[in-house]
PDB file of N, CA and C in Angstrom:
ATOM      1  N   MET A   1     181.816 122.986  64.166  1.00  0.00           N
ATOM      2  CA  MET A   1     183.123 122.367  64.323  1.00  0.00           C
ATOM      3  C   MET A   1     183.163 121.590  65.634  1.00  0.00           C
ATOM      4  N   ASN A   2     183.913 120.507  65.632  1.00  0.00           N
ATOM      5  CA  ASN A   2     184.107 119.779  66.880  1.00  0.00           C
ATOM      6  C   ASN A   2     185.269 120.413  67.658  1.00  0.00           C
ATOM      7  N   GLU A   3     185.554 119.904  68.836  1.00  0.00           N
ATOM      8  CA  GLU A   3     186.574 120.511  69.694  1.00  0.00           C
ATOM      9  C   GLU A   3     187.962 120.484  69.067  1.00  0.00           C
ATOM     10  N   VAL A   4     188.292 119.414  68.369  1.00  0.00           N
ATOM     11  CA  VAL A   4     189.617 119.306  67.753  1.00  0.00           C
ATOM     12  C   VAL A   4     189.771 120.342  66.644  1.00  0.00           C
ATOM     13  N   THR A   5     188.782 120.436  65.775  1.00  0.00           N
ATOM     14  CA  THR A   5     188.900 121.412  64.694  1.00  0.00           C
ATOM     15  C   THR A   5     188.814 122.842  65.218  1.00  0.00           C
ATOM     16  N   GLN A   6     188.072 123.054  66.283  1.00  0.00           N
ATOM     17  CA  GLN A   6     188.049 124.386  66.904  1.00  0.00           C
ATOM     18  C   GLN A   6     189.433 124.745  67.430  1.00  0.00           C
ATOM     19  N   ARG A   7     190.115 123.774  68.031  1.00  0.00           N
ATOM     20  CA  ARG A   7     191.461 124.025  68.560  1.00  0.00           C
ATOM     21  C   ARG A   7     192.431 124.321  67.423  1.00  0.00           C
ATOM     22  N   ILE A   8     192.337 123.565  66.332  1.00  0.00           N
ATOM     23  CA  ILE A   8     193.196 123.824  65.177  1.00  0.00           C
ATOM     24  C   ILE A   8     192.950 125.237  64.663  1.00  0.00           C
ATOM     25  N   ASP A   9     191.691 125.608  64.549  1.00  0.00           N
ATOM     26  CA  ASP A   9     191.346 126.937  64.045  1.00  0.00           C
ATOM     27  C   ASP A   9     191.836 128.029  65.000  1.00  0.00           C
ATOM     28  N   GLN A  10     191.699 127.802  66.295  1.00  0.00           N
ATOM     29  CA  GLN A  10     192.176 128.772  67.289  1.00  0.00           C
ATOM     30  C   GLN A  10     193.680 128.995  67.147  1.00  0.00           C
ATOM     31  N   LEU A  11     194.437 127.911  67.085  1.00  0.00           N
ATOM     32  CA  LEU A  11     195.895 128.019  66.976  1.00  0.00           C
ATOM     33  C   LEU A  11     196.308 128.653  65.655  1.00  0.00           C
ATOM     34  N   ARG A  12     195.577 128.339  64.607  1.00  0.00           N
ATOM     35  CA  ARG A  12     195.847 128.940  63.293  1.00  0.00           C
ATOM     36  C   ARG A  12     195.635 130.450  63.350  1.00  0.00           C
ATOM     37  N   HIS A  13     194.533 130.865  63.946  1.00  0.00           N
ATOM     38  CA  HIS A  13     194.238 132.298  64.068  1.00  0.00           C
ATOM     39  C   HIS A  13     195.263 133.009  64.948  1.00  0.00           C
ATOM     40  N   GLU A  14     195.696 132.376  66.032  1.00  0.00           N
ATOM     41  CA  GLU A  14     196.688 132.984  66.916  1.00  0.00           C
ATOM     42  C   GLU A  14     197.976 133.299  66.176  1.00  0.00           C
ATOM     43  N   ARG A  15     198.308 132.499  65.184  1.00  0.00           N
ATOM     44  CA  ARG A  15     199.526 132.731  64.406  1.00  0.00           C
ATOM     45  C   ARG A  15     199.285 133.611  63.187  1.00  0.00           C
ATOM     46  N   GLY A  16     198.025 133.936  62.928  1.00  0.00           N
ATOM     47  CA  GLY A  16     197.708 134.758  61.771  1.00  0.00           C
ATOM     48  C   GLY A  16     197.843 134.000  60.463  1.00  0.00           C
ATOM     49  N   TRP A  17     197.712 132.684  60.522  1.00  0.00           N
ATOM     50  CA  TRP A  17     197.855 131.854  59.340  1.00  0.00           C
ATOM     51  C   TRP A  17     196.526 131.668  58.631  1.00  0.00           C
ATOM     52  N   THR A  18     196.573 131.627  57.325  1.00  0.00           N
ATOM     53  CA  THR A  18     195.420 131.246  56.525  1.00  0.00           C
ATOM     54  C   THR A  18     195.339 129.718  56.520  1.00  0.00           C
ATOM     55  N   VAL A  19     194.231 129.193  56.032  1.00  0.00           N
ATOM     56  CA  VAL A  19     194.114 127.739  55.884  1.00  0.00           C
ATOM     57  C   VAL A  19     195.182 127.250  54.908  1.00  0.00           C
ATOM     58  N   TYR A  20     195.417 128.027  53.870  1.00  0.00           N
ATOM     59  CA  TYR A  20     196.452 127.671  52.896  1.00  0.00           C
ATOM     60  C   TYR A  20     197.819 127.568  53.556  1.00  0.00           C
ATOM     61  N   LYS A  21     198.172 128.551  54.374  1.00  0.00           N
ATOM     62  CA  LYS A  21     199.469 128.554  55.057  1.00  0.00           C
ATOM     63  C   LYS A  21     199.585 127.343  55.984  1.00  0.00           C
ATOM     64  N   LEU A  22     198.530 127.039  56.733  1.00  0.00           N
ATOM     65  CA  LEU A  22     198.547 125.883  57.626  1.00  0.00           C
ATOM     66  C   LEU A  22     198.749 124.604  56.817  1.00  0.00           C
ATOM     67  N   ALA A  23     198.047 124.480  55.712  1.00  0.00           N
ATOM     68  CA  ALA A  23     198.182 123.299  54.861  1.00  0.00           C
ATOM     69  C   ALA A  23     199.609 123.160  54.344  1.00  0.00           C
ATOM     70  N   GLN A  24     200.194 124.263  53.918  1.00  0.00           N
ATOM     71  CA  GLN A  24     201.567 124.231  53.416  1.00  0.00           C
ATOM     72  C   GLN A  24     202.550 123.836  54.506  1.00  0.00           C
ATOM     73  N   GLU A  25     202.423 124.453  55.670  1.00  0.00           N
ATOM     74  CA  GLU A  25     203.342 124.185  56.777  1.00  0.00           C
ATOM     75  C   GLU A  25     203.217 122.755  57.304  1.00  0.00           C
ATOM     76  N   ALA A  26     201.999 122.206  57.283  1.00  0.00           N
ATOM     77  CA  ALA A  26     201.756 120.862  57.812  1.00  0.00           C
ATOM     78  C   ALA A  26     201.860 119.783  56.735  1.00  0.00           C
ATOM     79  N   ASP A  27     202.108 120.195  55.499  1.00  0.00           N
ATOM     80  CA  ASP A  27     202.178 119.254  54.382  1.00  0.00           C
ATOM     81  C   ASP A  27     200.885 118.446  54.266  1.00  0.00           C
ATOM     82  N   LEU A  28     199.761 119.167  54.323  1.00  0.00           N
ATOM     83  CA  LEU A  28     198.437 118.568  54.175  1.00  0.00           C
ATOM     84  C   LEU A  28     197.707 119.269  53.035  1.00  0.00           C
ATOM     85  N   ASN A  29     196.712 118.621  52.510  1.00  0.00           N
ATOM     86  CA  ASN A  29     195.901 119.199  51.450  1.00  0.00           C
ATOM     87  C   ASN A  29     194.985 120.272  52.044  1.00  0.00           C
ATOM     88  N   GLU A  30     194.963 121.434  51.415  1.00  0.00           N
ATOM     89  CA  GLU A  30     194.133 122.537  51.905  1.00  0.00           C
ATOM     90  C   GLU A  30     192.657 122.145  51.972  1.00  0.00           C
ATOM     91  N   GLN A  31     192.174 121.425  50.975  1.00  0.00           N
ATOM     92  CA  GLN A  31     190.765 121.029  50.971  1.00  0.00           C
ATOM     93  C   GLN A  31     190.459 120.071  52.125  1.00  0.00           C
ATOM     94  N   THR A  32     191.410 119.260  52.495  1.00  0.00           N
ATOM     95  CA  THR A  32     191.236 118.361  53.645  1.00  0.00           C
ATOM     96  C   THR A  32     190.952 119.169  54.901  1.00  0.00           C
ATOM     97  N   ILE A  33     191.735 120.211  55.120  1.00  0.00           N
ATOM     98  CA  ILE A  33     191.550 121.063  56.301  1.00  0.00           C
ATOM     99  C   ILE A  33     190.211 121.787  56.220  1.00  0.00           C
ATOM    100  N   ARG A  34     189.869 122.286  55.062  1.00  0.00           N
ATOM    101  CA  ARG A  34     188.571 122.959  54.902  1.00  0.00           C
ATOM    102  C   ARG A  34     187.412 121.990  55.184  1.00  0.00           C
ATOM    103  N   ASN A  35     187.569 120.737  54.798  1.00  0.00           N
ATOM    104  CA  ASN A  35     186.539 119.737  55.089  1.00  0.00           C
ATOM    105  C   ASN A  35     186.394 119.514  56.594  1.00  0.00           C
ATOM    106  N   TRP A  36     187.497 119.578  57.332  1.00  0.00           N
ATOM    107  CA  TRP A  36     187.416 119.472  58.792  1.00  0.00           C
ATOM    108  C   TRP A  36     186.563 120.602  59.353  1.00  0.00           C
ATOM    109  N   PHE A  37     186.827 121.812  58.865  1.00  0.00           N
ATOM    110  CA  PHE A  37     186.124 122.980  59.393  1.00  0.00           C
ATOM    111  C   PHE A  37     184.638 122.978  59.043  1.00  0.00           C
ATOM    112  N   SER A  38     184.268 122.302  57.984  1.00  0.00           N
ATOM    113  CA  SER A  38     182.845 122.230  57.612  1.00  0.00           C
ATOM    114  C   SER A  38     182.198 120.925  58.083  1.00  0.00           C
ATOM    115  N   ASN A  39     182.910 120.185  58.923  1.00  0.00           N
ATOM    116  CA  ASN A  39     182.426 118.919  59.501  1.00  0.00           C
ATOM    117  C   ASN A  39     182.112 117.847  58.456  1.00  0.00           C
ATOM    118  N   LYS A  40     182.752 117.920  57.302  1.00  0.00           N
ATOM    119  CA  LYS A  40     182.574 116.869  56.306  1.00  0.00           C
ATOM    120  C   LYS A  40     183.433 115.656  56.651  1.00  0.00           C
ATOM    121  N   THR A  41     184.584 115.905  57.242  1.00  0.00           N
ATOM    122  CA  THR A  41     185.488 114.858  57.710  1.00  0.00           C
ATOM    123  C   THR A  41     186.110 115.332  59.014  1.00  0.00           C
ATOM    124  N   TYR A  42     186.845 114.439  59.665  1.00  0.00           N
ATOM    125  CA  TYR A  42     187.489 114.780  60.932  1.00  0.00           C
ATOM    126  C   TYR A  42     188.965 114.422  60.861  1.00  0.00           C
ATOM    127  N   PRO A  43     189.802 115.207  61.506  1.00  0.00           N
ATOM    128  CA  PRO A  43     191.241 114.916  61.454  1.00  0.00           C
ATOM    129  C   PRO A  43     191.582 113.653  62.239  1.00  0.00           C
ATOM    130  N   LEU A  44     192.457 112.854  61.666  1.00  0.00           N
ATOM    131  CA  LEU A  44     192.966 111.669  62.338  1.00  0.00           C
ATOM    132  C   LEU A  44     194.266 112.018  63.058  1.00  0.00           C
ATOM    133  N   ILE A  45     194.687 111.151  63.948  1.00  0.00           N
ATOM    134  CA  ILE A  45     195.870 111.417  64.775  1.00  0.00           C
ATOM    135  C   ILE A  45     197.109 111.771  63.936  1.00  0.00           C
ATOM    136  N   PRO A  46     197.425 111.051  62.857  1.00  0.00           N
ATOM    137  CA  PRO A  46     198.614 111.450  62.076  1.00  0.00           C
ATOM    138  C   PRO A  46     198.517 112.886  61.532  1.00  0.00           C
ATOM    139  N   ALA A  47     197.323 113.306  61.130  1.00  0.00           N
ATOM    140  CA  ALA A  47     197.151 114.678  60.634  1.00  0.00           C
ATOM    141  C   ALA A  47     197.282 115.680  61.772  1.00  0.00           C
ATOM    142  N   ILE A  48     196.740 115.345  62.937  1.00  0.00           N
ATOM    143  CA  ILE A  48     196.871 116.240  64.098  1.00  0.00           C
ATOM    144  C   ILE A  48     198.344 116.381  64.467  1.00  0.00           C
ATOM    145  N   LYS A  49     199.090 115.291  64.375  1.00  0.00           N
ATOM    146  CA  LYS A  49     200.533 115.344  64.664  1.00  0.00           C
ATOM    147  C   LYS A  49     201.240 116.270  63.686  1.00  0.00           C
ATOM    148  N   LYS A  50     200.879 116.203  62.411  1.00  0.00           N
ATOM    149  CA  LYS A  50     201.476 117.103  61.414  1.00  0.00           C
ATOM    150  C   LYS A  50     201.141 118.560  61.728  1.00  0.00           C
ATOM    151  N   ILE A  51     199.907 118.809  62.146  1.00  0.00           N
ATOM    152  CA  ILE A  51     199.499 120.167  62.518  1.00  0.00           C
ATOM    153  C   ILE A  51     200.328 120.644  63.702  1.00  0.00           C
ATOM    154  N   CYS A  52     200.472 119.795  64.711  1.00  0.00           N
ATOM    155  CA  CYS A  52     201.260 120.167  65.894  1.00  0.00           C
ATOM    156  C   CYS A  52     202.705 120.473  65.515  1.00  0.00           C
ATOM    157  N   ASP A  53     203.288 119.620  64.683  1.00  0.00           N
ATOM    158  CA  ASP A  53     204.666 119.856  64.243  1.00  0.00           C
ATOM    159  C   ASP A  53     204.782 121.190  63.513  1.00  0.00           C
ATOM    160  N   ALA A  54     203.832 121.476  62.653  1.00  0.00           N
ATOM    161  CA  ALA A  54     203.844 122.741  61.904  1.00  0.00           C
ATOM    162  C   ALA A  54     203.715 123.935  62.838  1.00  0.00           C
ATOM    163  N   LEU A  55     202.908 123.787  63.883  1.00  0.00           N
ATOM    164  CA  LEU A  55     202.683 124.886  64.827  1.00  0.00           C
ATOM    165  C   LEU A  55     203.775 124.976  65.896  1.00  0.00           C
ATOM    166  N   GLY A  56     204.636 123.968  65.942  1.00  0.00           N
ATOM    167  CA  GLY A  56     205.717 123.974  66.916  1.00  0.00           C
ATOM    168  C   GLY A  56     205.255 123.656  68.332  1.00  0.00           C
ATOM    169  N   ILE A  57     204.238 122.799  68.445  1.00  0.00           N
ATOM    170  CA  ILE A  57     203.737 122.405  69.760  1.00  0.00           C
ATOM    171  C   ILE A  57     203.683 120.887  69.844  1.00  0.00           C
ATOM    172  N   THR A  58     203.563 120.375  71.056  1.00  0.00           N
ATOM    173  CA  THR A  58     203.422 118.938  71.246  1.00  0.00           C
ATOM    174  C   THR A  58     201.947 118.561  71.188  1.00  0.00           C
ATOM    175  N   MET A  59     201.698 117.279  71.081  1.00  0.00           N
ATOM    176  CA  MET A  59     200.313 116.801  71.115  1.00  0.00           C
ATOM    177  C   MET A  59     199.707 117.087  72.486  1.00  0.00           C
ATOM    178  N   ALA A  60     200.513 116.989  73.540  1.00  0.00           N
ATOM    179  CA  ALA A  60     200.012 117.304  74.888  1.00  0.00           C
ATOM    180  C   ALA A  60     199.588 118.760  74.964  1.00  0.00           C
ATOM    181  N   ASP A  61     200.386 119.661  74.381  1.00  0.00           N
ATOM    182  CA  ASP A  61     200.019 121.078  74.352  1.00  0.00           C
ATOM    183  C   ASP A  61     198.715 121.278  73.586  1.00  0.00           C
ATOM    184  N   PHE A  62     198.589 120.581  72.476  1.00  0.00           N
ATOM    185  CA  PHE A  62     197.396 120.721  71.645  1.00  0.00           C
ATOM    186  C   PHE A  62     196.135 120.363  72.418  1.00  0.00           C
ATOM    187  N   PHE A  63     196.197 119.268  73.166  1.00  0.00           N
ATOM    188  CA  PHE A  63     195.011 118.775  73.855  1.00  0.00           C
ATOM    189  C   PHE A  63     194.842 119.334  75.261  1.00  0.00           C
ATOM    190  N   SER A  64     195.726 120.242  75.668  1.00  0.00           N
ATOM    191  CA  SER A  64     195.600 120.819  77.007  1.00  0.00           C
ATOM    192  C   SER A  64     195.011 122.223  76.932  1.00  0.00           C
ATOM    193  N   ASN A  65     194.569 122.702  78.074  1.00  0.00           N
ATOM    194  CA  ASN A  65     194.067 124.070  78.197  1.00  0.00           C
ATOM    195  C   ASN A  65     195.155 124.915  78.841  1.00  0.00           C
ATOM    196  N   ASP A  66     195.403 126.085  78.289  1.00  0.00           N
ATOM    197  CA  ASP A  66     196.385 127.024  78.835  1.00  0.00           C
ATOM    198  C   ASP A  66     197.773 126.410  78.971  1.00  0.00           C
ATOM    199  N   GLY A  67     198.105 125.472  78.094  1.00  0.00           N
ATOM    200  CA  GLY A  67     199.427 124.885  78.128  1.00  0.00           C
ATOM    201  C   GLY A  67     199.652 123.907  79.262  1.00  0.00           C
ATOM    202  N   MET A  68     198.620 123.636  80.052  1.00  0.00           N
ATOM    203  CA  MET A  68     198.744 122.698  81.161  1.00  0.00           C
ATOM    204  C   MET A  68     197.934 121.455  80.838  1.00  0.00           C
ATOM    205  N   VAL A  69     198.513 120.285  81.044  1.00  0.00           N
ATOM    206  CA  VAL A  69     197.785 119.049  80.817  1.00  0.00           C
ATOM    207  C   VAL A  69     196.825 118.844  81.978  1.00  0.00           C
ATOM    208  N   ASP A  70     195.550 118.726  81.665  1.00  0.00           N
ATOM    209  CA  ASP A  70     194.515 118.579  82.686  1.00  0.00           C
ATOM    210  C   ASP A  70     194.214 117.099  82.870  1.00  0.00           C
ATOM    211  N   LEU A  71     194.717 116.518  83.944  1.00  0.00           N
ATOM    212  CA  LEU A  71     194.491 115.110  84.219  1.00  0.00           C
ATOM    213  C   LEU A  71     193.230 114.928  85.031  1.00  0.00           C
ATOM    214  N   SER A  72     192.611 113.792  84.867  1.00  0.00           N
ATOM    215  CA  SER A  72     191.436 113.484  85.682  1.00  0.00           C
ATOM    216  C   SER A  72     191.877 113.239  87.113  1.00  0.00           C
ATOM    217  N   PRO A  73     190.988 113.354  88.099  1.00  0.00           N
ATOM    218  CA  PRO A  73     191.364 113.119  89.499  1.00  0.00           C
ATOM    219  C   PRO A  73     191.972 111.735  89.701  1.00  0.00           C
ATOM    220  N   ASP A  74     191.477 110.716  88.999  1.00  0.00           N
ATOM    221  CA  ASP A  74     192.039 109.362  89.123  1.00  0.00           C
ATOM    222  C   ASP A  74     193.498 109.323  88.707  1.00  0.00           C
ATOM    223  N   LYS A  75     193.830 109.959  87.616  1.00  0.00           N
ATOM    224  CA  LYS A  75     195.210 109.947  87.146  1.00  0.00           C
ATOM    225  C   LYS A  75     196.111 110.760  88.071  1.00  0.00           C
ATOM    226  N   LYS A  76     195.581 111.852  88.637  1.00  0.00           N
ATOM    227  CA  LYS A  76     196.396 112.624  89.566  1.00  0.00           C
ATOM    228  C   LYS A  76     196.740 111.784  90.783  1.00  0.00           C
ATOM    229  N   THR A  77     195.787 110.994  91.242  1.00  0.00           N
ATOM    230  CA  THR A  77     196.031 110.118  92.386  1.00  0.00           C
ATOM    231  C   THR A  77     197.094 109.077  92.044  1.00  0.00           C
ATOM    232  N   LEU A  78     197.005 108.507  90.853  1.00  0.00           N
ATOM    233  CA  LEU A  78     197.976 107.513  90.447  1.00  0.00           C
ATOM    234  C   LEU A  78     199.362 108.111  90.344  1.00  0.00           C
ATOM    235  N   LEU A  79     199.478 109.320  89.830  1.00  0.00           N
ATOM    236  CA  LEU A  79     200.778 109.970  89.695  1.00  0.00           C
ATOM    237  C   LEU A  79     201.370 110.335  91.054  1.00  0.00           C
ATOM    238  N   ALA A  80     200.531 110.658  91.999  1.00  0.00           N
ATOM    239  CA  ALA A  80     201.009 111.068  93.314  1.00  0.00           C
ATOM    240  C   ALA A  80     201.502 109.876  94.131  1.00  0.00           C
ATOM    241  N   SER A  81     201.088 108.665  93.783  1.00  0.00           N
ATOM    242  CA  SER A  81     201.448 107.477  94.562  1.00  0.00           C
ATOM    243  C   SER A  81     202.882 107.085  94.352  1.00  0.00           C
TER     244      SER A  81
END
């Protein structure tokens, strides 16, 4: 699995959801999600957004570690200016 599908799987497991439940909640095809997990296809941004909505998190939360958005040093400098 790539990092995105690993994150989806991690969040799914944290909620105790099956792949079927995740598919139902996100209004996605169950086989589509299974294909992500077997690296046959990869989730696109609209599908990731649906997953985030189903899980009740933002896209920033999804792509961050420990709920904190990790910015590169360059971006931190720009924000501090």
